[in-house]
Amino acid sequence: MERDQATRFVHDLLRLLLSKKGSDLFLTAEFPPAFKIDGRVLPVSNQPLTGQHTSELVRAIMNDRQAAEFEKTKECNFAINPTSIGRFRVSSFIQQGKVGIVFRTIADHIPTSDELNMPAIINELAMAKRGIVLVVGATGSGKSTTLAAMVGYRNENSNGHIITIEDPIEYVHAHIQSM
């Protein structure tokens, strides 16, 4: 599969994922592409991907630095933002000797703590001048979304300079009160 063809294939699947309001796309060798929709993993077709397919697909969406990291460590996490589609967190890895890829949607809208029904103390923590706040939980439990809401609150309610350390970058914050 040519690189352009592989990129189009991934982008078409991501568009379909969003149209079906799915949260994740799974590309795994020996299985058909699958979406996670409302907590259920559903195959998109009956045609399984081969190991060669998944290798070509992952390389098509990586830049050279990511490809080198993947080659060295056999895994790479990064974000992609295909034009006119959306933002996605990508986890690529080797599973049973073959490439696997998981795409997770990243919402364009940064939710507020109220929208997430979080307790008011979360906003107080976001405004703390010193200390460390740990947000922990299982994959998909809302850690990144919680932190995005906290950074968003501080950005709207305090002048200053906000620095986040994240890899990959998921939510992109506009300059409001802070930079």
C-alpha atoms as a PDB file:
ATOM      1  CA  MET A   1       0.000   0.000   0.000  1.00  0.00           C
ATOM      2  CA  GLU A   2       1.436   3.395  -0.982  1.00  0.00           C
ATOM      3  CA  ARG A   3       1.887   5.987   1.777  1.00  0.00           C
ATOM      4  CA  ASP A   4      -0.804   8.305   0.328  1.00  0.00           C
ATOM      5  CA  GLN A   5      -3.227   5.402   0.048  1.00  0.00           C
ATOM      6  CA  ALA A   6      -2.483   4.336   3.638  1.00  0.00           C
ATOM      7  CA  THR A   7      -3.002   7.885   4.897  1.00  0.00           C
ATOM      8  CA  ARG A   8      -6.340   8.156   3.043  1.00  0.00           C
ATOM      9  CA  PHE A   9      -7.439   4.799   4.485  1.00  0.00           C
ATOM     10  CA  VAL A  10      -6.721   5.971   8.054  1.00  0.00           C
ATOM     11  CA  HIS A  11      -8.374   9.355   7.482  1.00  0.00           C
ATOM     12  CA  ASP A  12     -11.484   7.717   6.007  1.00  0.00           C
ATOM     13  CA  LEU A  13     -11.743   5.452   9.056  1.00  0.00           C
ATOM     14  CA  LEU A  14     -11.326   8.430  11.405  1.00  0.00           C
ATOM     15  CA  ARG A  15     -14.091  10.348   9.590  1.00  0.00           C
ATOM     16  CA  LEU A  16     -16.361   7.316   9.869  1.00  0.00           C
ATOM     17  CA  LEU A  17     -15.482   6.935  13.564  1.00  0.00           C
ATOM     18  CA  LEU A  18     -16.539  10.520  14.249  1.00  0.00           C
ATOM     19  CA  SER A  19     -19.724  10.200  12.189  1.00  0.00           C
ATOM     20  CA  LYS A  20     -20.715   7.230  14.357  1.00  0.00           C
ATOM     21  CA  LYS A  21     -19.786   9.106  17.558  1.00  0.00           C
ATOM     22  CA  GLY A  22     -17.119   6.552  18.422  1.00  0.00           C
ATOM     23  CA  SER A  23     -14.278   7.172  20.847  1.00  0.00           C
ATOM     24  CA  ASP A  24     -11.565   4.810  19.571  1.00  0.00           C
ATOM     25  CA  LEU A  25     -10.314   3.178  16.377  1.00  0.00           C
ATOM     26  CA  PHE A  26      -8.371  -0.091  16.678  1.00  0.00           C
ATOM     27  CA  LEU A  27      -6.116  -1.301  13.863  1.00  0.00           C
ATOM     28  CA  THR A  28      -4.690  -4.721  14.707  1.00  0.00           C
ATOM     29  CA  ALA A  29      -3.132  -7.396  12.508  1.00  0.00           C
ATOM     30  CA  GLU A  30      -5.370 -10.412  11.841  1.00  0.00           C
ATOM     31  CA  PHE A  31      -8.520  -8.466  12.837  1.00  0.00           C
ATOM     32  CA  PRO A  32     -10.740  -6.053  10.922  1.00  0.00           C
ATOM     33  CA  PRO A  33     -10.606  -2.366  11.861  1.00  0.00           C
ATOM     34  CA  ALA A  34     -12.874  -1.767  14.858  1.00  0.00           C
ATOM     35  CA  PHE A  35     -14.517   1.194  16.595  1.00  0.00           C
ATOM     36  CA  LYS A  36     -15.358   1.648  20.248  1.00  0.00           C
ATOM     37  CA  ILE A  37     -18.855   3.119  20.412  1.00  0.00           C
ATOM     38  CA  ASP A  38     -20.680   3.498  23.729  1.00  0.00           C
ATOM     39  CA  GLY A  39     -18.149   1.202  25.386  1.00  0.00           C
ATOM     40  CA  ARG A  40     -18.567  -1.625  22.839  1.00  0.00           C
ATOM     41  CA  VAL A  41     -15.894  -2.644  20.336  1.00  0.00           C
ATOM     42  CA  LEU A  42     -17.504  -3.186  16.931  1.00  0.00           C
ATOM     43  CA  PRO A  43     -15.771  -4.337  13.726  1.00  0.00           C
ATOM     44  CA  VAL A  44     -16.045  -1.925  10.808  1.00  0.00           C
ATOM     45  CA  SER A  45     -15.801  -4.659   8.163  1.00  0.00           C
ATOM     46  CA  ASN A  46     -15.279  -8.394   7.813  1.00  0.00           C
ATOM     47  CA  GLN A  47     -11.864  -7.959   6.170  1.00  0.00           C
ATOM     48  CA  PRO A  48      -8.972  -8.459   8.630  1.00  0.00           C
ATOM     49  CA  LEU A  49      -5.835  -6.368   8.301  1.00  0.00           C
ATOM     50  CA  THR A  50      -2.493  -8.081   7.760  1.00  0.00           C
ATOM     51  CA  GLY A  51       0.703  -7.348   9.658  1.00  0.00           C
ATOM     52  CA  GLN A  52       2.007  -5.639   6.530  1.00  0.00           C
ATOM     53  CA  HIS A  53      -1.109  -3.422   6.429  1.00  0.00           C
ATOM     54  CA  THR A  54      -0.724  -2.259  10.035  1.00  0.00           C
ATOM     55  CA  SER A  55       3.019  -1.608   9.512  1.00  0.00           C
ATOM     56  CA  GLU A  56       2.278   0.519   6.447  1.00  0.00           C
ATOM     57  CA  LEU A  57      -0.579   2.343   8.173  1.00  0.00           C
ATOM     58  CA  VAL A  58       1.472   3.301  11.223  1.00  0.00           C
ATOM     59  CA  ARG A  59       4.371   4.542   9.102  1.00  0.00           C
ATOM     60  CA  ALA A  60       2.001   6.632   6.973  1.00  0.00           C
ATOM     61  CA  ILE A  61       0.832   8.673   9.977  1.00  0.00           C
ATOM     62  CA  MET A  62       4.239   9.088  11.668  1.00  0.00           C
ATOM     63  CA  ASN A  63       6.885  11.704  11.062  1.00  0.00           C
ATOM     64  CA  ASP A  64      10.530  10.634  10.872  1.00  0.00           C
ATOM     65  CA  ARG A  65      11.207  11.267  14.589  1.00  0.00           C
ATOM     66  CA  GLN A  66       8.206   9.194  15.634  1.00  0.00           C
ATOM     67  CA  ALA A  67       9.171   6.410  13.231  1.00  0.00           C
ATOM     68  CA  ALA A  68      12.707   6.323  14.670  1.00  0.00           C
ATOM     69  CA  GLU A  69      11.326   6.148  18.221  1.00  0.00           C
ATOM     70  CA  PHE A  70       8.953   3.355  17.203  1.00  0.00           C
ATOM     71  CA  GLU A  71      11.772   1.426  15.535  1.00  0.00           C
ATOM     72  CA  LYS A  72      13.942   1.758  18.645  1.00  0.00           C
ATOM     73  CA  THR A  73      11.413   1.205  21.453  1.00  0.00           C
ATOM     74  CA  LYS A  74       8.666  -0.732  19.609  1.00  0.00           C
ATOM     75  CA  GLU A  75       6.086   1.802  20.784  1.00  0.00           C
ATOM     76  CA  CYS A  76       5.260   5.449  20.206  1.00  0.00           C
ATOM     77  CA  ASN A  77       2.518   7.735  21.510  1.00  0.00           C
ATOM     78  CA  PHE A  78       1.720  10.948  19.686  1.00  0.00           C
ATOM     79  CA  ALA A  79      -1.140  13.162  18.551  1.00  0.00           C
ATOM     80  CA  ILE A  80      -2.341  13.815  15.021  1.00  0.00           C
ATOM     81  CA  ASN A  81      -4.582  16.552  13.691  1.00  0.00           C
ATOM     82  CA  PRO A  82      -5.637  15.669  10.135  1.00  0.00           C
ATOM     83  CA  THR A  83      -7.052  18.730   8.368  1.00  0.00           C
ATOM     84  CA  SER A  84     -10.856  18.956   8.548  1.00  0.00           C
ATOM     85  CA  ILE A  85     -11.152  15.773  10.615  1.00  0.00           C
ATOM     86  CA  GLY A  86     -10.133  16.387  14.225  1.00  0.00           C
ATOM     87  CA  ARG A  87      -7.489  15.636  16.849  1.00  0.00           C
ATOM     88  CA  PHE A  88      -6.534  12.136  17.929  1.00  0.00           C
ATOM     89  CA  ARG A  89      -4.147  10.592  20.419  1.00  0.00           C
ATOM     90  CA  VAL A  90      -2.327   7.676  18.802  1.00  0.00           C
ATOM     91  CA  SER A  91      -0.770   4.741  20.597  1.00  0.00           C
ATOM     92  CA  SER A  92       1.319   2.465  18.377  1.00  0.00           C
ATOM     93  CA  PHE A  93       2.908  -0.724  19.652  1.00  0.00           C
ATOM     94  CA  ILE A  94       4.040  -4.231  18.811  1.00  0.00           C
ATOM     95  CA  GLN A  95       1.572  -6.953  19.790  1.00  0.00           C
ATOM     96  CA  GLN A  96       2.345 -10.614  19.133  1.00  0.00           C
ATOM     97  CA  GLY A  97       5.145  -9.534  16.813  1.00  0.00           C
ATOM     98  CA  LYS A  98       2.921  -7.262  14.696  1.00  0.00           C
ATOM     99  CA  VAL A  99       2.027  -3.574  14.730  1.00  0.00           C
ATOM    100  CA  GLY A 100      -1.109  -2.434  16.535  1.00  0.00           C
ATOM    101  CA  ILE A 101      -2.509   1.091  16.569  1.00  0.00           C
ATOM    102  CA  VAL A 102      -5.180   2.735  18.721  1.00  0.00           C
ATOM    103  CA  PHE A 103      -6.611   6.175  17.918  1.00  0.00           C
ATOM    104  CA  ARG A 104      -8.546   8.019  20.638  1.00  0.00           C
ATOM    105  CA  THR A 105     -10.605  11.086  19.777  1.00  0.00           C
ATOM    106  CA  ILE A 106      -9.657  14.353  21.453  1.00  0.00           C
ATOM    107  CA  ALA A 107     -12.517  16.798  21.787  1.00  0.00           C
ATOM    108  CA  ASP A 108     -12.033  20.255  20.261  1.00  0.00           C
ATOM    109  CA  HIS A 109     -14.025  21.802  23.090  1.00  0.00           C
ATOM    110  CA  ILE A 110     -12.252  22.070  26.440  1.00  0.00           C
ATOM    111  CA  PRO A 111     -14.935  21.231  28.988  1.00  0.00           C
ATOM    112  CA  THR A 112     -15.423  23.233  32.156  1.00  0.00           C
ATOM    113  CA  SER A 113     -15.394  21.678  35.597  1.00  0.00           C
ATOM    114  CA  ASP A 114     -19.146  22.379  35.758  1.00  0.00           C
ATOM    115  CA  GLU A 115     -19.742  20.484  32.508  1.00  0.00           C
ATOM    116  CA  LEU A 116     -17.814  17.559  33.993  1.00  0.00           C
ATOM    117  CA  ASN A 117     -19.799  17.779  37.256  1.00  0.00           C
ATOM    118  CA  MET A 118     -16.580  18.056  39.244  1.00  0.00           C
ATOM    119  CA  PRO A 119     -16.580  19.300  42.839  1.00  0.00           C
ATOM    120  CA  ALA A 120     -15.713  22.981  43.420  1.00  0.00           C
ATOM    121  CA  ILE A 121     -12.449  22.015  45.117  1.00  0.00           C
ATOM    122  CA  ILE A 122     -11.064  21.149  41.673  1.00  0.00           C
ATOM    123  CA  ASN A 123     -11.157  24.828  40.705  1.00  0.00           C
ATOM    124  CA  GLU A 124      -9.451  25.738  43.982  1.00  0.00           C
ATOM    125  CA  LEU A 125      -6.704  23.224  43.234  1.00  0.00           C
ATOM    126  CA  ALA A 126      -6.294  24.721  39.761  1.00  0.00           C
ATOM    127  CA  MET A 127      -5.598  28.112  41.358  1.00  0.00           C
ATOM    128  CA  ALA A 128      -3.050  26.838  43.934  1.00  0.00           C
ATOM    129  CA  LYS A 129       0.227  28.780  43.936  1.00  0.00           C
ATOM    130  CA  ARG A 130       2.374  25.902  45.218  1.00  0.00           C
ATOM    131  CA  GLY A 131       2.290  22.167  45.566  1.00  0.00           C
ATOM    132  CA  ILE A 132       1.642  19.200  43.382  1.00  0.00           C
ATOM    133  CA  VAL A 133      -1.655  17.770  42.232  1.00  0.00           C
ATOM    134  CA  LEU A 134      -1.744  14.187  41.005  1.00  0.00           C
ATOM    135  CA  VAL A 135      -4.557  13.060  38.736  1.00  0.00           C
ATOM    136  CA  VAL A 136      -4.491   9.286  38.388  1.00  0.00           C
ATOM    137  CA  GLY A 137      -6.771   6.648  36.919  1.00  0.00           C
ATOM    138  CA  ALA A 138      -7.204   3.948  34.341  1.00  0.00           C
ATOM    139  CA  THR A 139      -6.993   4.533  30.597  1.00  0.00           C
ATOM    140  CA  GLY A 140     -10.074   6.389  29.413  1.00  0.00           C
ATOM    141  CA  SER A 141     -11.112   7.493  32.906  1.00  0.00           C
ATOM    142  CA  GLY A 142     -10.846  11.215  32.136  1.00  0.00           C
ATOM    143  CA  LYS A 143      -7.441  12.259  33.466  1.00  0.00           C
ATOM    144  CA  SER A 144      -6.539  14.408  30.449  1.00  0.00           C
ATOM    145  CA  THR A 145     -10.012  15.938  30.321  1.00  0.00           C
ATOM    146  CA  THR A 146      -9.900  16.752  34.052  1.00  0.00           C
ATOM    147  CA  LEU A 147      -6.511  18.424  33.685  1.00  0.00           C
ATOM    148  CA  ALA A 148      -7.692  20.334  30.601  1.00  0.00           C
ATOM    149  CA  ALA A 149     -10.656  21.670  32.599  1.00  0.00           C
ATOM    150  CA  MET A 150      -8.317  22.714  35.426  1.00  0.00           C
ATOM    151  CA  VAL A 151      -5.898  24.478  33.070  1.00  0.00           C
ATOM    152  CA  GLY A 152      -8.861  26.102  31.319  1.00  0.00           C
ATOM    153  CA  TYR A 153     -10.215  27.395  34.644  1.00  0.00           C
ATOM    154  CA  ARG A 154      -6.858  28.861  35.626  1.00  0.00           C
ATOM    155  CA  ASN A 155      -6.467  30.374  32.145  1.00  0.00           C
ATOM    156  CA  GLU A 156      -9.837  32.127  32.479  1.00  0.00           C
ATOM    157  CA  ASN A 157      -9.343  33.321  36.062  1.00  0.00           C
ATOM    158  CA  SER A 158      -5.682  34.229  36.497  1.00  0.00           C
ATOM    159  CA  ASN A 159      -3.057  36.286  34.693  1.00  0.00           C
ATOM    160  CA  GLY A 160       0.176  34.450  34.210  1.00  0.00           C
ATOM    161  CA  HIS A 161       2.143  31.922  32.276  1.00  0.00           C
ATOM    162  CA  ILE A 162       0.912  28.329  32.216  1.00  0.00           C
ATOM    163  CA  ILE A 163       3.298  25.562  31.231  1.00  0.00           C
ATOM    164  CA  THR A 164       2.088  22.005  30.798  1.00  0.00           C
ATOM    165  CA  ILE A 165       4.358  19.028  30.321  1.00  0.00           C
ATOM    166  CA  GLU A 166       2.557  16.408  28.286  1.00  0.00           C
ATOM    167  CA  ASP A 167       3.396  13.895  25.626  1.00  0.00           C
ATOM    168  CA  PRO A 168       1.516  13.875  23.412  1.00  0.00           C
ATOM    169  CA  ILE A 169      -0.178  17.274  23.669  1.00  0.00           C
ATOM    170  CA  GLU A 170      -3.899  16.628  23.668  1.00  0.00           C
ATOM    171  CA  TYR A 171      -5.907  19.767  24.387  1.00  0.00           C
ATOM    172  CA  VAL A 172      -4.784  23.046  22.833  1.00  0.00           C
ATOM    173  CA  HIS A 173      -5.602  26.065  25.010  1.00  0.00           C
ATOM    174  CA  ALA A 174      -6.091  29.555  23.579  1.00  0.00           C
ATOM    175  CA  HIS A 175      -4.564  32.536  25.403  1.00  0.00           C
ATOM    176  CA  ILE A 176      -7.346  34.031  27.529  1.00  0.00           C
ATOM    177  CA  GLN A 177      -6.067  35.576  30.790  1.00  0.00           C
ATOM    178  CA  SER A 178      -2.845  33.575  30.781  1.00  0.00           C
ATOM    179  CA  MET A 179      -0.326  32.531  28.197  1.00  0.00           C
END
